[in-house]
PDB file of all heavy atoms in Angstrom:
ATOM      1  N   VAL A   1     115.058 139.889  53.599  1.00  0.00           N
ATOM      2  CA  VAL A   1     114.124 140.571  54.496  1.00  0.00           C
ATOM      3  C   VAL A   1     114.887 141.083  55.692  1.00  0.00           C
ATOM      4  O   VAL A   1     115.811 140.434  56.216  1.00  0.00           O
ATOM      5  CB  VAL A   1     113.017 139.594  54.965  1.00  0.00           C
ATOM      6  CG1 VAL A   1     112.121 140.255  56.000  1.00  0.00           C
ATOM      7  CG2 VAL A   1     112.171 139.112  53.781  1.00  0.00           C
ATOM      8  N   VAL A   2     114.525 142.268  56.153  1.00  0.00           N
ATOM      9  CA  VAL A   2     115.057 142.808  57.410  1.00  0.00           C
ATOM     10  C   VAL A   2     113.872 143.206  58.267  1.00  0.00           C
ATOM     11  O   VAL A   2     112.895 143.776  57.772  1.00  0.00           O
ATOM     12  CB  VAL A   2     116.000 143.997  57.154  1.00  0.00           C
ATOM     13  CG1 VAL A   2     115.320 145.106  56.355  1.00  0.00           C
ATOM     14  CG2 VAL A   2     116.557 144.555  58.460  1.00  0.00           C
ATOM     15  N   GLY A   3     113.910 142.866  59.547  1.00  0.00           N
ATOM     16  CA  GLY A   3     112.807 143.150  60.433  1.00  0.00           C
ATOM     17  C   GLY A   3     113.028 144.415  61.250  1.00  0.00           C
ATOM     18  O   GLY A   3     114.151 144.732  61.645  1.00  0.00           O
ATOM     19  N   ILE A   4     111.926 145.114  61.521  1.00  0.00           N
ATOM     20  CA  ILE A   4     111.946 146.313  62.373  1.00  0.00           C
ATOM     21  C   ILE A   4     110.837 146.167  63.397  1.00  0.00           C
ATOM     22  O   ILE A   4     109.692 145.857  63.081  1.00  0.00           O
ATOM     23  CB  ILE A   4     111.698 147.609  61.560  1.00  0.00           C
ATOM     24  CG1 ILE A   4     112.762 147.810  60.491  1.00  0.00           C
ATOM     25  CG2 ILE A   4     111.590 148.811  62.491  1.00  0.00           C
ATOM     26  CD1 ILE A   4     114.123 148.191  61.033  1.00  0.00           C
ATOM     27  N   GLY A   5     111.200 146.395  64.687  1.00  0.00           N
ATOM     28  CA  GLY A   5     110.212 146.272  65.744  1.00  0.00           C
ATOM     29  C   GLY A   5     110.594 147.115  66.938  1.00  0.00           C
ATOM     30  O   GLY A   5     111.424 148.049  66.837  1.00  0.00           O
ATOM     31  N   ILE A   6     110.034 146.797  68.090  1.00  0.00           N
ATOM     32  CA  ILE A   6     110.281 147.529  69.327  1.00  0.00           C
ATOM     33  C   ILE A   6     110.825 146.590  70.396  1.00  0.00           C
ATOM     34  O   ILE A   6     110.362 145.437  70.507  1.00  0.00           O
ATOM     35  CB  ILE A   6     108.994 148.219  69.816  1.00  0.00           C
ATOM     36  CG1 ILE A   6     108.651 149.418  68.897  1.00  0.00           C
ATOM     37  CG2 ILE A   6     109.108 148.692  71.261  1.00  0.00           C
ATOM     38  CD1 ILE A   6     107.397 150.170  69.288  1.00  0.00           C
ATOM     39  N   LEU A   7     111.787 147.065  71.143  1.00  0.00           N
ATOM     40  CA  LEU A   7     112.302 146.297  72.278  1.00  0.00           C
ATOM     41  C   LEU A   7     111.491 146.673  73.510  1.00  0.00           C
ATOM     42  O   LEU A   7     111.711 147.727  74.130  1.00  0.00           O
ATOM     43  CB  LEU A   7     113.785 146.596  72.522  1.00  0.00           C
ATOM     44  CG  LEU A   7     114.403 145.791  73.658  1.00  0.00           C
ATOM     45  CD1 LEU A   7     114.419 144.300  73.316  1.00  0.00           C
ATOM     46  CD2 LEU A   7     115.801 146.274  73.982  1.00  0.00           C
ATOM     47  N   TRP A   8     110.534 145.838  73.844  1.00  0.00           N
ATOM     48  CA  TRP A   8     109.689 146.082  75.016  1.00  0.00           C
ATOM     49  C   TRP A   8     110.457 145.661  76.263  1.00  0.00           C
ATOM     50  O   TRP A   8     110.695 144.475  76.488  1.00  0.00           O
ATOM     51  CB  TRP A   8     108.380 145.295  74.879  1.00  0.00           C
ATOM     52  CG  TRP A   8     107.637 145.684  73.640  1.00  0.00           C
ATOM     53  CD1 TRP A   8     107.560 144.994  72.465  1.00  0.00           C
ATOM     54  CD2 TRP A   8     106.866 146.875  73.445  1.00  0.00           C
ATOM     55  NE1 TRP A   8     106.806 145.669  71.553  1.00  0.00           N
ATOM     56  CE2 TRP A   8     106.358 146.834  72.130  1.00  0.00           C
ATOM     57  CE3 TRP A   8     106.562 147.968  74.260  1.00  0.00           C
ATOM     58  CZ2 TRP A   8     105.563 147.841  71.598  1.00  0.00           C
ATOM     59  CZ3 TRP A   8     105.763 148.972  73.739  1.00  0.00           C
ATOM     60  CH2 TRP A   8     105.268 148.908  72.433  1.00  0.00           C
ATOM     61  N   ARG A   9     110.831 146.646  77.072  1.00  0.00           N
ATOM     62  CA  ARG A   9     111.728 146.376  78.195  1.00  0.00           C
ATOM     63  C   ARG A   9     111.115 145.425  79.228  1.00  0.00           C
ATOM     64  O   ARG A   9     111.835 144.707  79.894  1.00  0.00           O
ATOM     65  CB  ARG A   9     112.125 147.695  78.869  1.00  0.00           C
ATOM     66  CG  ARG A   9     113.211 148.474  78.123  1.00  0.00           C
ATOM     67  CD  ARG A   9     114.505 147.655  78.003  1.00  0.00           C
ATOM     68  NE  ARG A   9     115.596 148.473  77.512  1.00  0.00           N
ATOM     69  CZ  ARG A   9     116.577 148.967  78.287  1.00  0.00           C
ATOM     70  NH1 ARG A   9     116.571 148.708  79.598  1.00  0.00           N
ATOM     71  NH2 ARG A   9     117.529 149.705  77.767  1.00  0.00           N
ATOM     72  N   GLN A  10     109.785 145.440  79.347  1.00  0.00           N
ATOM     73  CA  GLN A  10     109.123 144.475  80.230  1.00  0.00           C
ATOM     74  C   GLN A  10     108.178 143.579  79.431  1.00  0.00           C
ATOM     75  O   GLN A  10     107.329 142.897  80.024  1.00  0.00           O
ATOM     76  CB  GLN A  10     108.389 145.163  81.358  1.00  0.00           C
ATOM     77  CG  GLN A  10     109.338 145.765  82.402  1.00  0.00           C
ATOM     78  CD  GLN A  10     108.639 146.112  83.700  1.00  0.00           C
ATOM     79  OE1 GLN A  10     107.431 146.341  83.758  1.00  0.00           O
ATOM     80  NE2 GLN A  10     109.408 146.128  84.782  1.00  0.00           N
ATOM     81  N   GLY A  11     108.370 143.515  78.137  1.00  0.00           N
ATOM     82  CA  GLY A  11     107.623 142.603  77.291  1.00  0.00           C
ATOM     83  C   GLY A  11     106.123 142.694  77.461  1.00  0.00           C
ATOM     84  O   GLY A  11     105.548 143.764  77.626  1.00  0.00           O
ATOM     85  N   TYR A  12     105.491 141.535  77.362  1.00  0.00           N
ATOM     86  CA  TYR A  12     104.047 141.416  77.600  1.00  0.00           C
ATOM     87  C   TYR A  12     103.879 140.764  78.968  1.00  0.00           C
ATOM     88  O   TYR A  12     104.840 140.286  79.579  1.00  0.00           O
ATOM     89  CB  TYR A  12     103.410 140.567  76.499  1.00  0.00           C
ATOM     90  CG  TYR A  12     101.912 140.623  76.439  1.00  0.00           C
ATOM     91  CD1 TYR A  12     101.245 141.828  76.288  1.00  0.00           C
ATOM     92  CD2 TYR A  12     101.152 139.469  76.524  1.00  0.00           C
ATOM     93  CE1 TYR A  12      99.859 141.889  76.202  1.00  0.00           C
ATOM     94  CE2 TYR A  12      99.767 139.504  76.455  1.00  0.00           C
ATOM     95  CZ  TYR A  12      99.119 140.728  76.298  1.00  0.00           C
ATOM     96  OH  TYR A  12      97.755 140.786  76.236  1.00  0.00           O
ATOM     97  N   THR A  13     102.668 140.698  79.457  1.00  0.00           N
ATOM     98  CA  THR A  13     102.439 140.168  80.784  1.00  0.00           C
ATOM     99  C   THR A  13     102.869 138.706  80.952  1.00  0.00           C
ATOM    100  O   THR A  13     102.668 137.877  80.054  1.00  0.00           O
ATOM    101  CB  THR A  13     100.943 140.285  81.166  1.00  0.00           C
ATOM    102  OG1 THR A  13     100.731 139.641  82.400  1.00  0.00           O
ATOM    103  CG2 THR A  13     100.057 139.647  80.127  1.00  0.00           C
ATOM    104  N   THR A  14     103.478 138.420  82.099  1.00  0.00           N
ATOM    105  CA  THR A  14     103.604 137.052  82.569  1.00  0.00           C
ATOM    106  C   THR A  14     102.378 136.807  83.432  1.00  0.00           C
ATOM    107  O   THR A  14     102.183 137.488  84.432  1.00  0.00           O
ATOM    108  CB  THR A  14     104.890 136.878  83.410  1.00  0.00           C
ATOM    109  OG1 THR A  14     106.017 137.142  82.582  1.00  0.00           O
ATOM    110  CG2 THR A  14     104.985 135.480  83.981  1.00  0.00           C
ATOM    111  N   GLN A  15     101.530 135.866  83.020  1.00  0.00           N
ATOM    112  CA  GLN A  15     100.225 135.706  83.661  1.00  0.00           C
ATOM    113  C   GLN A  15     100.227 134.468  84.560  1.00  0.00           C
ATOM    114  O   GLN A  15     100.398 133.354  84.082  1.00  0.00           O
ATOM    115  CB  GLN A  15      99.123 135.618  82.618  1.00  0.00           C
ATOM    116  CG  GLN A  15      97.875 136.384  82.971  1.00  0.00           C
ATOM    117  CD  GLN A  15      97.086 136.767  81.746  1.00  0.00           C
ATOM    118  OE1 GLN A  15      96.671 135.903  80.989  1.00  0.00           O
ATOM    119  NE2 GLN A  15      96.842 138.067  81.557  1.00  0.00           N
ATOM    120  N   ARG A  16     100.049 134.698  85.831  1.00  0.00           N
ATOM    121  CA  ARG A  16     100.063 133.617  86.828  1.00  0.00           C
ATOM    122  C   ARG A  16      98.659 133.425  87.414  1.00  0.00           C
ATOM    123  O   ARG A  16      97.786 134.259  87.252  1.00  0.00           O
ATOM    124  CB  ARG A  16     101.057 133.949  87.938  1.00  0.00           C
ATOM    125  CG  ARG A  16     102.498 134.144  87.482  1.00  0.00           C
ATOM    126  CD  ARG A  16     103.066 132.871  86.898  1.00  0.00           C
ATOM    127  NE  ARG A  16     104.449 133.029  86.480  1.00  0.00           N
ATOM    128  CZ  ARG A  16     105.123 132.117  85.781  1.00  0.00           C
ATOM    129  NH1 ARG A  16     104.513 131.012  85.386  1.00  0.00           N
ATOM    130  NH2 ARG A  16     106.374 132.332  85.456  1.00  0.00           N
ATOM    131  N   ILE A  17      98.501 132.300  88.127  1.00  0.00           N
ATOM    132  CA  ILE A  17      97.228 131.967  88.754  1.00  0.00           C
ATOM    133  C   ILE A  17      97.395 131.928  90.261  1.00  0.00           C
ATOM    134  O   ILE A  17      98.275 131.222  90.782  1.00  0.00           O
ATOM    135  CB  ILE A  17      96.692 130.599  88.255  1.00  0.00           C
ATOM    136  CG1 ILE A  17      96.614 130.575  86.725  1.00  0.00           C
ATOM    137  CG2 ILE A  17      95.340 130.297  88.875  1.00  0.00           C
ATOM    138  CD1 ILE A  17      95.644 131.552  86.111  1.00  0.00           C
ATOM    139  N   CYS A  18      96.577 132.692  90.971  1.00  0.00           N
ATOM    140  CA  CYS A  18      96.593 132.691  92.433  1.00  0.00           C
ATOM    141  C   CYS A  18      96.059 131.351  92.964  1.00  0.00           C
ATOM    142  O   CYS A  18      95.416 130.589  92.235  1.00  0.00           O
ATOM    143  CB  CYS A  18      95.700 133.803  92.986  1.00  0.00           C
ATOM    144  SG  CYS A  18      96.355 135.461  92.863  1.00  0.00           S
ATOM    145  N   SER A  19      96.273 131.134  94.242  1.00  0.00           N
ATOM    146  CA  SER A  19      95.766 129.911  94.875  1.00  0.00           C
ATOM    147  C   SER A  19      94.232 129.891  94.855  1.00  0.00           C
ATOM    148  O   SER A  19      93.622 128.807  94.921  1.00  0.00           O
ATOM    149  CB  SER A  19      96.276 129.823  96.308  1.00  0.00           C
ATOM    150  OG  SER A  19      95.893 130.981  97.041  1.00  0.00           O
ATOM    151  N   ASN A  20      93.607 131.052  94.728  1.00  0.00           N
ATOM    152  CA  ASN A  20      92.138 131.095  94.661  1.00  0.00           C
ATOM    153  C   ASN A  20      91.619 130.919  93.230  1.00  0.00           C
ATOM    154  O   ASN A  20      90.419 131.041  92.990  1.00  0.00           O
ATOM    155  CB  ASN A  20      91.610 132.392  95.260  1.00  0.00           C
ATOM    156  CG  ASN A  20      92.068 133.628  94.502  1.00  0.00           C
ATOM    157  OD1 ASN A  20      92.695 133.528  93.441  1.00  0.00           O
ATOM    158  ND2 ASN A  20      91.762 134.812  95.035  1.00  0.00           N
ATOM    159  N   GLY A  21      92.523 130.668  92.299  1.00  0.00           N
ATOM    160  CA  GLY A  21      92.126 130.414  90.910  1.00  0.00           C
ATOM    161  C   GLY A  21      92.024 131.640  90.028  1.00  0.00           C
ATOM    162  O   GLY A  21      91.681 131.534  88.850  1.00  0.00           O
ATOM    163  N   LYS A  22      92.315 132.809  90.580  1.00  0.00           N
ATOM    164  CA  LYS A  22      92.210 134.038  89.785  1.00  0.00           C
ATOM    165  C   LYS A  22      93.558 134.407  89.175  1.00  0.00           C
ATOM    166  O   LYS A  22      94.596 134.298  89.841  1.00  0.00           O
ATOM    167  CB  LYS A  22      91.696 135.180  90.660  1.00  0.00           C
ATOM    168  CG  LYS A  22      90.260 134.985  91.133  1.00  0.00           C
ATOM    169  CD  LYS A  22      89.768 136.178  91.925  1.00  0.00           C
ATOM    170  CE  LYS A  22      88.305 135.985  92.357  1.00  0.00           C
ATOM    171  NZ  LYS A  22      87.812 137.138  93.149  1.00  0.00           N
ATOM    172  N   PRO A  23      93.557 134.808  87.906  1.00  0.00           N
ATOM    173  CA  PRO A  23      94.815 135.204  87.256  1.00  0.00           C
ATOM    174  C   PRO A  23      95.294 136.577  87.693  1.00  0.00           C
ATOM    175  O   PRO A  23      94.483 137.441  88.050  1.00  0.00           O
ATOM    176  CB  PRO A  23      94.469 135.179  85.764  1.00  0.00           C
ATOM    177  CG  PRO A  23      92.993 135.318  85.690  1.00  0.00           C
ATOM    178  CD  PRO A  23      92.412 134.856  86.992  1.00  0.00           C
ATOM    179  N   TYR A  24      96.594 136.751  87.661  1.00  0.00           N
ATOM    180  CA  TYR A  24      97.161 138.079  87.914  1.00  0.00           C
ATOM    181  C   TYR A  24      98.366 138.276  87.001  1.00  0.00           C
ATOM    182  O   TYR A  24      98.937 137.322  86.469  1.00  0.00           O
ATOM    183  CB  TYR A  24      97.538 138.257  89.386  1.00  0.00           C
ATOM    184  CG  TYR A  24      98.642 137.336  89.870  1.00  0.00           C
ATOM    185  CD1 TYR A  24      99.966 137.774  89.931  1.00  0.00           C
ATOM    186  CD2 TYR A  24      98.366 136.037  90.300  1.00  0.00           C
ATOM    187  CE1 TYR A  24     100.984 136.959  90.392  1.00  0.00           C
ATOM    188  CE2 TYR A  24      99.371 135.210  90.758  1.00  0.00           C
ATOM    189  CZ  TYR A  24     100.669 135.663  90.799  1.00  0.00           C
ATOM    190  OH  TYR A  24     101.680 134.859  91.236  1.00  0.00           O
ATOM    191  N   ASP A  25      98.761 139.550  86.825  1.00  0.00           N
ATOM    192  CA  ASP A  25      99.810 139.903  85.876  1.00  0.00           C
ATOM    193  C   ASP A  25     101.098 140.284  86.572  1.00  0.00           C
ATOM    194  O   ASP A  25     101.074 140.999  87.571  1.00  0.00           O
ATOM    195  CB  ASP A  25      99.347 141.054  84.987  1.00  0.00           C
ATOM    196  CG  ASP A  25      98.130 140.710  84.142  1.00  0.00           C
ATOM    197  OD1 ASP A  25      98.270 139.799  83.312  1.00  0.00           O
ATOM    198  OD2 ASP A  25      97.056 141.313  84.331  1.00  0.00           O
ATOM    199  N   VAL A  26     102.201 139.805  86.024  1.00  0.00           N
ATOM    200  CA  VAL A  26     103.529 140.129  86.511  1.00  0.00           C
ATOM    201  C   VAL A  26     104.325 140.658  85.320  1.00  0.00           C
ATOM    202  O   VAL A  26     104.225 140.122  84.209  1.00  0.00           O
ATOM    203  CB  VAL A  26     104.226 138.876  87.099  1.00  0.00           C
ATOM    204  CG1 VAL A  26     105.644 139.223  87.540  1.00  0.00           C
ATOM    205  CG2 VAL A  26     103.425 138.315  88.265  1.00  0.00           C
ATOM    206  N   PHE A  27     105.123 141.694  85.551  1.00  0.00           N
ATOM    207  CA  PHE A  27     105.939 142.251  84.468  1.00  0.00           C
ATOM    208  C   PHE A  27     107.397 142.157  84.878  1.00  0.00           C
ATOM    209  O   PHE A  27     107.788 142.629  85.961  1.00  0.00           O
ATOM    210  CB  PHE A  27     105.522 143.687  84.170  1.00  0.00           C
ATOM    211  CG  PHE A  27     104.127 143.788  83.633  1.00  0.00           C
ATOM    212  CD1 PHE A  27     103.055 143.969  84.490  1.00  0.00           C
ATOM    213  CD2 PHE A  27     103.897 143.658  82.274  1.00  0.00           C
ATOM    214  CE1 PHE A  27     101.756 144.041  83.991  1.00  0.00           C
ATOM    215  CE2 PHE A  27     102.608 143.737  81.780  1.00  0.00           C
ATOM    216  CZ  PHE A  27     101.539 143.919  82.630  1.00  0.00           C
ATOM    217  N   GLU A  28     108.203 141.547  84.032  1.00  0.00           N
ATOM    218  CA  GLU A  28     109.604 141.284  84.365  1.00  0.00           C
ATOM    219  C   GLU A  28     110.500 141.890  83.283  1.00  0.00           C
ATOM    220  O   GLU A  28     110.152 141.871  82.082  1.00  0.00           O
ATOM    221  CB  GLU A  28     109.840 139.771  84.440  1.00  0.00           C
ATOM    222  CG  GLU A  28     108.969 139.094  85.502  1.00  0.00           C
ATOM    223  CD  GLU A  28     109.003 137.572  85.416  1.00  0.00           C
ATOM    224  OE1 GLU A  28     109.434 137.065  84.366  1.00  0.00           O
ATOM    225  OE2 GLU A  28     108.603 136.910  86.385  1.00  0.00           O
ATOM    226  N   ASP A  29     111.654 142.390  83.687  1.00  0.00           N
ATOM    227  CA  ASP A  29     112.598 142.957  82.733  1.00  0.00           C
ATOM    228  C   ASP A  29     113.162 141.883  81.808  1.00  0.00           C
ATOM    229  O   ASP A  29     113.479 140.782  82.240  1.00  0.00           O
ATOM    230  CB  ASP A  29     113.764 143.641  83.475  1.00  0.00           C
ATOM    231  CG  ASP A  29     113.314 144.878  84.266  1.00  0.00           C
ATOM    232  OD1 ASP A  29     112.262 145.446  83.897  1.00  0.00           O
ATOM    233  OD2 ASP A  29     114.031 145.245  85.214  1.00  0.00           O
TER     234      ASP A  29
END
């Protein structure tokens, strides 16, 4: 088997939680 895909330069969201309990999204290289 050989795999084919995409190199997502910032991937998928890094999801963090604010001090008020609400989630927010961060994108990292």
